Amino acid sequence: MVKKESKETTGFALGKENYKLMAIGFAIIVVGFILMAGGGSDDPNVFNPEIFSFRRITLAPLILLIGFALEIYAIMKKPKSK
C-alpha cells in the first residue's frame, strides 16, 4: 500500500490584516468601556450627578459602536489572495 501525502496547509482563517483590524477594534472597545466607568458615590445616600455626564451617556457608547463595527468589518473583510 502506498500512502498519499496531502499537501494541505492549515493556516489561520483570516489574513494578517484582518487580525490587525480586530486588535484595533478590540482596543477601541476597551477604551469605550473605560470611558463609561466611574461616577459612583461612596455613600449610597448621596446622589452623584456625574453619572449622567456627556462622556458616559454619549461619547462612550458611540466609541463602543465604532469598535464593534470595526470588529464586524475585520471579520467580514476578504483576505488578500497570494
N, C-alpha and C. Protein backbone atom coordinates (compact mmCIF):
# COMPACT_ATOMS: atom_id res chain seq x y z
N MET A 1 0.83 -1.18 0.00
CA MET A 1 0.00 0.00 0.00
C MET A 1 0.87 1.24 0.00
N VAL A 2 0.47 2.17 -0.82
CA VAL A 2 1.21 3.43 -0.91
C VAL A 2 0.36 4.52 -0.26
N LYS A 3 0.99 5.24 0.65
CA LYS A 3 0.28 6.33 1.32
C LYS A 3 0.38 7.59 0.47
N LYS A 4 -0.73 8.25 0.34
CA LYS A 4 -0.73 9.53 -0.36
C LYS A 4 -0.61 10.64 0.66
N GLU A 5 0.38 11.46 0.46
CA GLU A 5 0.58 12.59 1.37
C GLU A 5 -0.24 13.77 0.86
N SER A 6 -1.02 14.34 1.74
CA SER A 6 -1.78 15.51 1.33
C SER A 6 -0.96 16.76 1.67
N LYS A 7 -0.97 17.66 0.75
CA LYS A 7 -0.19 18.89 0.94
C LYS A 7 -1.10 20.05 1.33
N GLU A 8 -2.11 19.75 2.12
CA GLU A 8 -3.00 20.80 2.60
C GLU A 8 -2.28 21.58 3.68
N THR A 9 -2.29 22.87 3.53
CA THR A 9 -1.68 23.71 4.55
C THR A 9 -2.77 24.21 5.47
N THR A 10 -2.56 24.01 6.72
CA THR A 10 -3.51 24.53 7.69
C THR A 10 -2.97 25.85 8.18
N GLY A 11 -3.76 26.85 8.03
CA GLY A 11 -3.34 28.18 8.44
C GLY A 11 -4.46 28.86 9.20
N PHE A 12 -4.31 30.13 9.37
CA PHE A 12 -5.32 30.90 10.07
C PHE A 12 -6.51 31.14 9.14
N ALA A 13 -7.66 31.32 9.73
CA ALA A 13 -8.88 31.50 8.94
C ALA A 13 -8.91 32.86 8.26
N LEU A 14 -8.28 33.84 8.86
CA LEU A 14 -8.27 35.19 8.31
C LEU A 14 -6.85 35.61 7.99
N GLY A 15 -6.72 36.70 7.27
CA GLY A 15 -5.41 37.21 6.91
C GLY A 15 -4.79 38.05 8.00
N LYS A 16 -3.56 38.43 7.79
CA LYS A 16 -2.82 39.22 8.78
C LYS A 16 -3.48 40.58 9.00
N GLU A 17 -3.95 41.18 7.92
CA GLU A 17 -4.59 42.49 8.03
C GLU A 17 -5.89 42.41 8.83
N ASN A 18 -6.61 41.31 8.68
CA ASN A 18 -7.85 41.12 9.43
C ASN A 18 -7.57 41.08 10.93
N TYR A 19 -6.53 40.37 11.31
CA TYR A 19 -6.20 40.28 12.73
C TYR A 19 -5.73 41.61 13.29
N LYS A 20 -5.04 42.40 12.49
CA LYS A 20 -4.63 43.74 12.94
C LYS A 20 -5.86 44.61 13.17
N LEU A 21 -6.81 44.56 12.23
CA LEU A 21 -8.03 45.35 12.39
C LEU A 21 -8.83 44.89 13.60
N MET A 22 -8.84 43.58 13.85
CA MET A 22 -9.55 43.07 15.02
C MET A 22 -8.89 43.54 16.32
N ALA A 23 -7.58 43.60 16.34
CA ALA A 23 -6.88 44.08 17.53
C ALA A 23 -7.17 45.56 17.76
N ILE A 24 -7.19 46.34 16.71
CA ILE A 24 -7.51 47.77 16.82
C ILE A 24 -8.95 47.94 17.32
N GLY A 25 -9.87 47.16 16.75
CA GLY A 25 -11.26 47.23 17.19
C GLY A 25 -11.42 46.86 18.65
N PHE A 26 -10.70 45.84 19.09
CA PHE A 26 -10.75 45.43 20.49
C PHE A 26 -10.23 46.54 21.40
N ALA A 27 -9.14 47.20 20.99
CA ALA A 27 -8.59 48.30 21.79
C ALA A 27 -9.59 49.45 21.88
N ILE A 28 -10.30 49.75 20.79
CA ILE A 28 -11.30 50.81 20.80
C ILE A 28 -12.45 50.45 21.75
N ILE A 29 -12.85 49.19 21.75
CA ILE A 29 -13.92 48.75 22.65
C ILE A 29 -13.48 48.90 24.11
N VAL A 30 -12.26 48.53 24.40
CA VAL A 30 -11.74 48.67 25.78
C VAL A 30 -11.74 50.13 26.20
N VAL A 31 -11.32 51.03 25.30
CA VAL A 31 -11.33 52.46 25.61
C VAL A 31 -12.76 52.93 25.88
N GLY A 32 -13.72 52.45 25.11
CA GLY A 32 -15.11 52.82 25.33
C GLY A 32 -15.61 52.40 26.70
N PHE A 33 -15.28 51.19 27.12
CA PHE A 33 -15.71 50.74 28.44
C PHE A 33 -14.99 51.50 29.55
N ILE A 34 -13.74 51.87 29.34
CA ILE A 34 -13.03 52.66 30.35
C ILE A 34 -13.67 54.03 30.49
N LEU A 35 -14.06 54.65 29.36
CA LEU A 35 -14.73 55.95 29.43
C LEU A 35 -16.08 55.86 30.12
N MET A 36 -16.72 54.73 30.05
CA MET A 36 -18.04 54.56 30.65
C MET A 36 -17.95 54.31 32.16
N ALA A 37 -16.83 53.90 32.65
CA ALA A 37 -16.68 53.51 34.06
C ALA A 37 -16.63 54.74 34.97
N GLY A 38 -16.89 54.51 36.23
CA GLY A 38 -16.77 55.55 37.25
C GLY A 38 -18.07 56.29 37.48
N GLY A 39 -17.97 57.36 38.26
CA GLY A 39 -19.12 58.20 38.53
C GLY A 39 -19.97 57.76 39.69
N GLY A 40 -19.54 56.74 40.39
CA GLY A 40 -20.31 56.25 41.52
C GLY A 40 -20.10 57.11 42.75
N SER A 41 -20.86 56.81 43.77
CA SER A 41 -20.74 57.55 45.02
C SER A 41 -20.34 56.57 46.12
N ASP A 42 -19.50 57.05 47.02
CA ASP A 42 -19.08 56.21 48.14
C ASP A 42 -20.22 56.01 49.14
N ASP A 43 -21.06 57.03 49.29
CA ASP A 43 -22.19 56.99 50.22
C ASP A 43 -23.47 56.71 49.42
N PRO A 44 -24.18 55.62 49.71
CA PRO A 44 -25.39 55.31 48.94
C PRO A 44 -26.53 56.32 49.14
N ASN A 45 -26.44 57.15 50.16
CA ASN A 45 -27.50 58.13 50.42
C ASN A 45 -27.26 59.45 49.69
N VAL A 46 -26.11 59.58 49.04
CA VAL A 46 -25.77 60.82 48.33
C VAL A 46 -25.79 60.53 46.84
N PHE A 47 -26.56 61.35 46.10
CA PHE A 47 -26.65 61.20 44.65
C PHE A 47 -25.52 61.97 43.98
N ASN A 48 -24.84 61.32 43.04
CA ASN A 48 -23.76 61.96 42.30
C ASN A 48 -24.23 62.18 40.86
N PRO A 49 -24.48 63.43 40.45
CA PRO A 49 -24.97 63.67 39.08
C PRO A 49 -23.91 63.43 38.00
N GLU A 50 -22.69 63.16 38.39
CA GLU A 50 -21.61 62.90 37.43
C GLU A 50 -21.86 61.64 36.60
N ILE A 51 -22.75 60.79 37.10
CA ILE A 51 -23.06 59.55 36.37
C ILE A 51 -23.76 59.87 35.04
N PHE A 52 -24.37 61.02 34.92
CA PHE A 52 -25.07 61.41 33.70
C PHE A 52 -24.25 62.38 32.85
N SER A 53 -22.95 62.30 32.89
CA SER A 53 -22.11 63.20 32.12
C SER A 53 -22.13 62.84 30.63
N PHE A 54 -21.74 63.79 29.80
CA PHE A 54 -21.68 63.59 28.34
C PHE A 54 -20.78 62.40 27.99
N ARG A 55 -19.69 62.28 28.73
CA ARG A 55 -18.73 61.21 28.45
C ARG A 55 -19.35 59.83 28.62
N ARG A 56 -20.14 59.65 29.66
CA ARG A 56 -20.71 58.32 29.95
C ARG A 56 -21.98 58.03 29.17
N ILE A 57 -22.76 59.06 28.85
CA ILE A 57 -24.05 58.84 28.20
C ILE A 57 -23.94 58.87 26.68
N THR A 58 -23.04 59.67 26.13
CA THR A 58 -22.98 59.85 24.67
C THR A 58 -21.68 59.36 24.07
N LEU A 59 -20.57 59.84 24.57
CA LEU A 59 -19.26 59.56 23.95
C LEU A 59 -18.88 58.09 24.03
N ALA A 60 -18.96 57.50 25.21
CA ALA A 60 -18.54 56.10 25.38
C ALA A 60 -19.38 55.13 24.54
N PRO A 61 -20.72 55.26 24.50
CA PRO A 61 -21.46 54.34 23.63
C PRO A 61 -21.14 54.51 22.15
N LEU A 62 -20.88 55.73 21.70
CA LEU A 62 -20.50 55.93 20.30
C LEU A 62 -19.16 55.27 19.99
N ILE A 63 -18.22 55.38 20.90
CA ILE A 63 -16.92 54.74 20.70
C ILE A 63 -17.08 53.22 20.69
N LEU A 64 -17.95 52.70 21.55
CA LEU A 64 -18.20 51.25 21.55
C LEU A 64 -18.81 50.80 20.23
N LEU A 65 -19.77 51.56 19.71
CA LEU A 65 -20.38 51.20 18.43
C LEU A 65 -19.35 51.20 17.31
N ILE A 66 -18.47 52.18 17.31
CA ILE A 66 -17.41 52.24 16.30
C ILE A 66 -16.50 51.02 16.43
N GLY A 67 -16.15 50.65 17.66
CA GLY A 67 -15.30 49.48 17.88
C GLY A 67 -15.95 48.19 17.42
N PHE A 68 -17.24 48.02 17.73
CA PHE A 68 -17.94 46.80 17.30
C PHE A 68 -18.11 46.77 15.79
N ALA A 69 -18.38 47.93 15.18
CA ALA A 69 -18.49 47.99 13.72
C ALA A 69 -17.16 47.61 13.07
N LEU A 70 -16.06 48.08 13.64
CA LEU A 70 -14.74 47.73 13.11
C LEU A 70 -14.47 46.23 13.26
N GLU A 71 -14.92 45.64 14.35
CA GLU A 71 -14.76 44.19 14.53
C GLU A 71 -15.53 43.42 13.45
N ILE A 72 -16.75 43.84 13.18
CA ILE A 72 -17.55 43.18 12.14
C ILE A 72 -16.88 43.33 10.78
N TYR A 73 -16.39 44.53 10.49
CA TYR A 73 -15.70 44.76 9.22
C TYR A 73 -14.44 43.89 9.12
N ALA A 74 -13.69 43.78 10.21
CA ALA A 74 -12.46 42.99 10.20
C ALA A 74 -12.75 41.52 9.95
N ILE A 75 -13.85 41.02 10.47
CA ILE A 75 -14.20 39.62 10.27
C ILE A 75 -14.70 39.39 8.84
N MET A 76 -15.50 40.31 8.34
CA MET A 76 -16.12 40.12 7.02
C MET A 76 -15.19 40.46 5.85
N LYS A 77 -14.14 41.24 6.09
CA LYS A 77 -13.23 41.65 5.01
C LYS A 77 -12.55 40.42 4.41
N LYS A 78 -12.56 40.37 3.12
CA LYS A 78 -11.95 39.23 2.43
C LYS A 78 -10.44 39.39 2.46
N PRO A 79 -9.71 38.38 2.93
CA PRO A 79 -8.24 38.49 2.96
C PRO A 79 -7.67 38.50 1.54
N LYS A 80 -6.56 39.18 1.40
CA LYS A 80 -5.91 39.26 0.08
C LYS A 80 -5.37 37.89 -0.32
N SER A 81 -5.59 37.53 -1.56
CA SER A 81 -5.08 36.26 -2.07
C SER A 81 -3.64 36.43 -2.52
N LYS A 82 -2.86 35.38 -2.36
CA LYS A 82 -1.45 35.44 -2.77
C LYS A 82 -1.29 35.00 -4.18
